Amino acid sequence: MTTATNTREVEASPLPEDENLLRIGQVMTRMRVMTGRRMIGRLAIQNVAPGLELSHLDVIDTVRRAEGSGEVTVGTIAEILRIDPSRASRIVAEMVTRGVLRRKASQADARRIIVVLTALGQRLLAEIQAQKFALIESIVADWSAEDVEAFSRLFDRFIGGYEHAFQTRLKDTDG
């Protein structure tokens, strides 16, 4: 008996000949694995709001970032996180119950409900940032000021290019 599969044969792309490009790709993989464990978020939760989940931190960060562009709704959160609106609604409801987020009427349209951070949500964000900066500071503690400056500039440039390339490819597949 044979079974059909939806997989197709794909030839592996050759490794780059440039040793530096190969190293960057390998380091990106190591970084993805390390950040996938989300240790900074776990420490922040442990220190400020035990019982929260990592998905809650994603929502908090989304609200913080989206507030700069205007009012944040559950739909905004779902869209940014690329999750189902009903899942976003459940997470927001949990966070409202825990006092991390608050719902309020939109100033632009009173029929619309928006989501804002509470003081506890702000403290949680501050703790995440403190954990992150302490970790970065300990990593670069023995680097020269010039190395830290060059790395910060080049890393920002690299991630900006990465984001742009990803968004461009995403638009190409959506369109």
C-alpha atoms as a PDB file:
ATOM      1  CA  MET A   1       0.000   0.000   0.000  1.00  0.00           C
ATOM      2  CA  THR A   2       1.381   3.383  -0.942  1.00  0.00           C
ATOM      3  CA  THR A   3       0.523   6.662   0.661  1.00  0.00           C
ATOM      4  CA  ALA A   4       0.508  10.044  -0.952  1.00  0.00           C
ATOM      5  CA  THR A   5       2.237  12.949   0.715  1.00  0.00           C
ATOM      6  CA  ASN A   6       2.082  16.663   0.216  1.00  0.00           C
ATOM      7  CA  THR A   7       5.838  17.012   0.483  1.00  0.00           C
ATOM      8  CA  ARG A   8       7.924  17.729  -2.520  1.00  0.00           C
ATOM      9  CA  GLU A   9      11.545  17.107  -3.205  1.00  0.00           C
ATOM     10  CA  VAL A  10      13.538  20.248  -2.584  1.00  0.00           C
ATOM     11  CA  GLU A  11      17.200  20.482  -3.333  1.00  0.00           C
ATOM     12  CA  ALA A  12      19.253  21.953  -0.515  1.00  0.00           C
ATOM     13  CA  SER A  13      20.740  25.336  -1.251  1.00  0.00           C
ATOM     14  CA  PRO A  14      24.512  25.311  -1.298  1.00  0.00           C
ATOM     15  CA  LEU A  15      26.245  26.816   1.709  1.00  0.00           C
ATOM     16  CA  PRO A  16      27.644  30.284   1.110  1.00  0.00           C
ATOM     17  CA  GLU A  17      31.301  30.341   0.126  1.00  0.00           C
ATOM     18  CA  ASP A  18      31.888  33.452   2.217  1.00  0.00           C
ATOM     19  CA  GLU A  19      32.966  32.251   5.653  1.00  0.00           C
ATOM     20  CA  ASN A  20      31.541  35.396   7.284  1.00  0.00           C
ATOM     21  CA  LEU A  21      28.062  34.831   5.819  1.00  0.00           C
ATOM     22  CA  LEU A  22      28.180  31.228   7.009  1.00  0.00           C
ATOM     23  CA  ARG A  23      29.167  32.372  10.520  1.00  0.00           C
ATOM     24  CA  ILE A  24      26.362  34.989  10.600  1.00  0.00           C
ATOM     25  CA  GLY A  25      23.817  32.321   9.623  1.00  0.00           C
ATOM     26  CA  GLN A  26      25.095  29.921  12.276  1.00  0.00           C
ATOM     27  CA  VAL A  27      25.082  32.627  14.959  1.00  0.00           C
ATOM     28  CA  MET A  28      21.522  33.597  13.985  1.00  0.00           C
ATOM     29  CA  THR A  29      20.472  29.986  14.581  1.00  0.00           C
ATOM     30  CA  ARG A  30      22.166  29.925  17.993  1.00  0.00           C
ATOM     31  CA  MET A  31      20.516  33.228  18.928  1.00  0.00           C
ATOM     32  CA  ARG A  32      17.079  31.988  17.828  1.00  0.00           C
ATOM     33  CA  VAL A  33      17.453  28.912  20.031  1.00  0.00           C
ATOM     34  CA  MET A  34      18.559  31.001  23.011  1.00  0.00           C
ATOM     35  CA  THR A  35      15.844  33.636  22.632  1.00  0.00           C
ATOM     36  CA  GLY A  36      13.304  30.882  22.019  1.00  0.00           C
ATOM     37  CA  ARG A  37      13.801  29.886  25.633  1.00  0.00           C
ATOM     38  CA  ARG A  38      12.733  33.425  26.597  1.00  0.00           C
ATOM     39  CA  MET A  39      14.788  33.611  29.767  1.00  0.00           C
ATOM     40  CA  ILE A  40      14.460  37.393  30.113  1.00  0.00           C
ATOM     41  CA  GLY A  41      10.667  37.163  30.000  1.00  0.00           C
ATOM     42  CA  ARG A  42      10.638  34.264  32.436  1.00  0.00           C
ATOM     43  CA  LEU A  43      12.774  36.231  34.927  1.00  0.00           C
ATOM     44  CA  ALA A  44      10.544  39.294  34.614  1.00  0.00           C
ATOM     45  CA  ILE A  45       7.408  37.236  35.247  1.00  0.00           C
ATOM     46  CA  GLN A  46       9.022  35.547  38.234  1.00  0.00           C
ATOM     47  CA  ASN A  47      10.072  38.889  39.746  1.00  0.00           C
ATOM     48  CA  VAL A  48       6.957  40.980  39.073  1.00  0.00           C
ATOM     49  CA  ALA A  49       3.920  38.906  38.169  1.00  0.00           C
ATOM     50  CA  PRO A  50       4.140  35.204  38.974  1.00  0.00           C
ATOM     51  CA  GLY A  51       1.414  33.290  37.217  1.00  0.00           C
ATOM     52  CA  LEU A  52       1.565  35.204  33.956  1.00  0.00           C
ATOM     53  CA  GLU A  53       2.518  33.313  30.827  1.00  0.00           C
ATOM     54  CA  LEU A  54       4.944  34.227  28.081  1.00  0.00           C
ATOM     55  CA  SER A  55       2.031  34.854  25.697  1.00  0.00           C
ATOM     56  CA  HIS A  56       0.922  37.569  28.130  1.00  0.00           C
ATOM     57  CA  LEU A  57       4.289  39.289  27.703  1.00  0.00           C
ATOM     58  CA  ASP A  58       3.805  39.229  23.936  1.00  0.00           C
ATOM     59  CA  VAL A  59       0.487  41.030  24.373  1.00  0.00           C
ATOM     60  CA  ILE A  60       1.977  43.572  26.795  1.00  0.00           C
ATOM     61  CA  ASP A  61       4.794  44.344  24.384  1.00  0.00           C
ATOM     62  CA  THR A  62       2.332  44.562  21.494  1.00  0.00           C
ATOM     63  CA  VAL A  63       0.180  47.062  23.400  1.00  0.00           C
ATOM     64  CA  ARG A  64       3.269  49.137  24.248  1.00  0.00           C
ATOM     65  CA  ARG A  65       4.482  49.230  20.647  1.00  0.00           C
ATOM     66  CA  ALA A  66       1.048  49.760  19.083  1.00  0.00           C
ATOM     67  CA  GLU A  67       0.122  52.633  21.427  1.00  0.00           C
ATOM     68  CA  GLY A  68       2.598  54.789  19.513  1.00  0.00           C
ATOM     69  CA  SER A  69       0.417  54.483  16.410  1.00  0.00           C
ATOM     70  CA  GLY A  70      -2.902  55.123  18.125  1.00  0.00           C
ATOM     71  CA  GLU A  71      -5.502  53.292  20.142  1.00  0.00           C
ATOM     72  CA  VAL A  72      -5.052  49.543  20.624  1.00  0.00           C
ATOM     73  CA  THR A  73      -7.956  47.130  20.230  1.00  0.00           C
ATOM     74  CA  VAL A  74      -8.129  43.370  20.618  1.00  0.00           C
ATOM     75  CA  GLY A  75      -8.194  43.257  16.812  1.00  0.00           C
ATOM     76  CA  THR A  76      -4.936  45.225  16.681  1.00  0.00           C
ATOM     77  CA  ILE A  77      -3.323  42.753  19.073  1.00  0.00           C
ATOM     78  CA  ALA A  78      -4.561  39.761  17.058  1.00  0.00           C
ATOM     79  CA  GLU A  79      -3.290  41.258  13.820  1.00  0.00           C
ATOM     80  CA  ILE A  80       0.170  42.135  15.130  1.00  0.00           C
ATOM     81  CA  LEU A  81       0.651  38.779  16.852  1.00  0.00           C
ATOM     82  CA  ARG A  82      -0.965  36.921  13.936  1.00  0.00           C
ATOM     83  CA  ILE A  83      -3.323  35.043  16.222  1.00  0.00           C
ATOM     84  CA  ASP A  84      -7.047  34.407  16.048  1.00  0.00           C
ATOM     85  CA  PRO A  85      -9.084  37.353  17.411  1.00  0.00           C
ATOM     86  CA  SER A  86     -10.888  35.034  19.845  1.00  0.00           C
ATOM     87  CA  ARG A  87      -7.521  33.908  21.282  1.00  0.00           C
ATOM     88  CA  ALA A  88      -6.411  37.541  21.593  1.00  0.00           C
ATOM     89  CA  SER A  89      -9.693  38.332  23.336  1.00  0.00           C
ATOM     90  CA  ARG A  90      -9.199  35.488  25.835  1.00  0.00           C
ATOM     91  CA  ILE A  91      -5.630  36.579  26.620  1.00  0.00           C
ATOM     92  CA  VAL A  92      -6.701  40.197  27.083  1.00  0.00           C
ATOM     93  CA  ALA A  93      -9.561  39.080  29.365  1.00  0.00           C
ATOM     94  CA  GLU A  94      -7.093  37.092  31.524  1.00  0.00           C
ATOM     95  CA  MET A  95      -4.769  40.067  31.719  1.00  0.00           C
ATOM     96  CA  VAL A  96      -7.589  42.425  32.658  1.00  0.00           C
ATOM     97  CA  THR A  97      -8.541  40.011  35.446  1.00  0.00           C
ATOM     98  CA  ARG A  98      -4.927  39.977  36.657  1.00  0.00           C
ATOM     99  CA  GLY A  99      -4.724  43.775  36.589  1.00  0.00           C
ATOM    100  CA  VAL A 100      -2.079  44.037  33.863  1.00  0.00           C
ATOM    101  CA  LEU A 101      -4.362  45.561  31.218  1.00  0.00           C
ATOM    102  CA  ARG A 102      -7.475  47.704  31.426  1.00  0.00           C
ATOM    103  CA  ARG A 103     -10.284  48.168  28.937  1.00  0.00           C
ATOM    104  CA  LYS A 104     -11.686  51.620  28.327  1.00  0.00           C
ATOM    105  CA  ALA A 105     -13.829  53.460  25.812  1.00  0.00           C
ATOM    106  CA  SER A 106     -12.088  54.921  22.808  1.00  0.00           C
ATOM    107  CA  GLN A 107     -11.752  58.700  22.812  1.00  0.00           C
ATOM    108  CA  ALA A 108     -12.208  58.692  19.028  1.00  0.00           C
ATOM    109  CA  ASP A 109     -15.292  56.441  18.996  1.00  0.00           C
ATOM    110  CA  ALA A 110     -17.033  55.705  22.308  1.00  0.00           C
ATOM    111  CA  ARG A 111     -18.591  52.553  20.816  1.00  0.00           C
ATOM    112  CA  ARG A 112     -15.139  51.026  20.509  1.00  0.00           C
ATOM    113  CA  ILE A 113     -13.244  49.459  23.416  1.00  0.00           C
ATOM    114  CA  ILE A 114      -9.493  49.879  23.597  1.00  0.00           C
ATOM    115  CA  VAL A 115      -6.842  48.189  25.721  1.00  0.00           C
ATOM    116  CA  VAL A 116      -4.288  50.069  27.849  1.00  0.00           C
ATOM    117  CA  LEU A 117      -1.530  49.057  30.243  1.00  0.00           C
ATOM    118  CA  THR A 118      -2.113  49.438  33.978  1.00  0.00           C
ATOM    119  CA  ALA A 119       0.562  50.428  36.495  1.00  0.00           C
ATOM    120  CA  LEU A 120       1.304  46.700  36.988  1.00  0.00           C
ATOM    121  CA  GLY A 121       1.679  46.296  33.217  1.00  0.00           C
ATOM    122  CA  GLN A 122       4.082  49.249  33.155  1.00  0.00           C
ATOM    123  CA  ARG A 123       6.092  47.726  36.038  1.00  0.00           C
ATOM    124  CA  LEU A 124       6.282  44.417  34.194  1.00  0.00           C
ATOM    125  CA  LEU A 125       7.578  46.169  31.068  1.00  0.00           C
ATOM    126  CA  ALA A 126      10.147  48.045  33.175  1.00  0.00           C
ATOM    127  CA  GLU A 127      11.295  44.765  34.755  1.00  0.00           C
ATOM    128  CA  ILE A 128      11.672  43.131  31.343  1.00  0.00           C
ATOM    129  CA  GLN A 129      13.771  46.068  30.169  1.00  0.00           C
ATOM    130  CA  ALA A 130      15.859  46.013  33.364  1.00  0.00           C
ATOM    131  CA  GLN A 131      16.526  42.280  32.935  1.00  0.00           C
ATOM    132  CA  LYS A 132      17.421  42.758  29.268  1.00  0.00           C
ATOM    133  CA  PHE A 133      19.758  45.700  29.891  1.00  0.00           C
ATOM    134  CA  ALA A 134      21.462  43.944  32.821  1.00  0.00           C
ATOM    135  CA  LEU A 135      22.109  40.932  30.626  1.00  0.00           C
ATOM    136  CA  ILE A 136      23.445  43.018  27.734  1.00  0.00           C
ATOM    137  CA  GLU A 137      25.577  45.054  30.125  1.00  0.00           C
ATOM    138  CA  SER A 138      27.127  41.902  31.586  1.00  0.00           C
ATOM    139  CA  ILE A 139      27.855  40.510  28.110  1.00  0.00           C
ATOM    140  CA  VAL A 140      29.648  43.635  26.860  1.00  0.00           C
ATOM    141  CA  ALA A 141      31.257  44.552  30.203  1.00  0.00           C
ATOM    142  CA  ASP A 142      34.761  43.725  28.954  1.00  0.00           C
ATOM    143  CA  TRP A 143      34.282  45.234  25.471  1.00  0.00           C
ATOM    144  CA  SER A 144      35.783  48.575  24.557  1.00  0.00           C
ATOM    145  CA  ALA A 145      33.418  51.530  24.183  1.00  0.00           C
ATOM    146  CA  GLU A 146      34.274  51.568  20.466  1.00  0.00           C
ATOM    147  CA  ASP A 147      33.315  47.894  20.071  1.00  0.00           C
ATOM    148  CA  VAL A 148      29.996  48.444  21.868  1.00  0.00           C
ATOM    149  CA  GLU A 149      29.232  51.476  19.674  1.00  0.00           C
ATOM    150  CA  ALA A 150      30.171  49.657  16.447  1.00  0.00           C
ATOM    151  CA  PHE A 151      28.219  46.536  17.389  1.00  0.00           C
ATOM    152  CA  SER A 152      25.104  48.503  18.385  1.00  0.00           C
ATOM    153  CA  ARG A 153      25.148  50.410  15.101  1.00  0.00           C
ATOM    154  CA  LEU A 154      25.872  47.364  12.922  1.00  0.00           C
ATOM    155  CA  PHE A 155      23.416  45.115  14.782  1.00  0.00           C
ATOM    156  CA  ASP A 156      20.678  47.728  14.331  1.00  0.00           C
ATOM    157  CA  ARG A 157      21.532  47.974  10.648  1.00  0.00           C
ATOM    158  CA  PHE A 158      21.523  44.179  10.257  1.00  0.00           C
ATOM    159  CA  ILE A 159      18.177  43.698  12.033  1.00  0.00           C
ATOM    160  CA  GLY A 160      16.668  46.613  10.074  1.00  0.00           C
ATOM    161  CA  GLY A 161      17.749  44.931   6.842  1.00  0.00           C
ATOM    162  CA  TYR A 162      16.442  41.594   8.084  1.00  0.00           C
ATOM    163  CA  GLU A 163      13.048  43.125   8.939  1.00  0.00           C
ATOM    164  CA  HIS A 164      12.871  44.854   5.563  1.00  0.00           C
ATOM    165  CA  ALA A 165      13.765  41.661   3.673  1.00  0.00           C
ATOM    166  CA  PHE A 166      11.217  39.667   5.672  1.00  0.00           C
ATOM    167  CA  GLN A 167       8.441  42.221   5.150  1.00  0.00           C
ATOM    168  CA  THR A 168       9.213  42.417   1.420  1.00  0.00           C
ATOM    169  CA  ARG A 169       9.068  38.642   1.041  1.00  0.00           C
ATOM    170  CA  LEU A 170       5.924  38.459   3.157  1.00  0.00           C
ATOM    171  CA  LYS A 171       4.206  41.029   0.908  1.00  0.00           C
ATOM    172  CA  ASP A 172       5.336  39.085  -2.163  1.00  0.00           C
ATOM    173  CA  THR A 173       3.690  35.895  -0.848  1.00  0.00           C
ATOM    174  CA  ASP A 174       0.524  37.666   0.344  1.00  0.00           C
ATOM    175  CA  GLY A 175      -0.080  39.514  -2.899  1.00  0.00           C
END
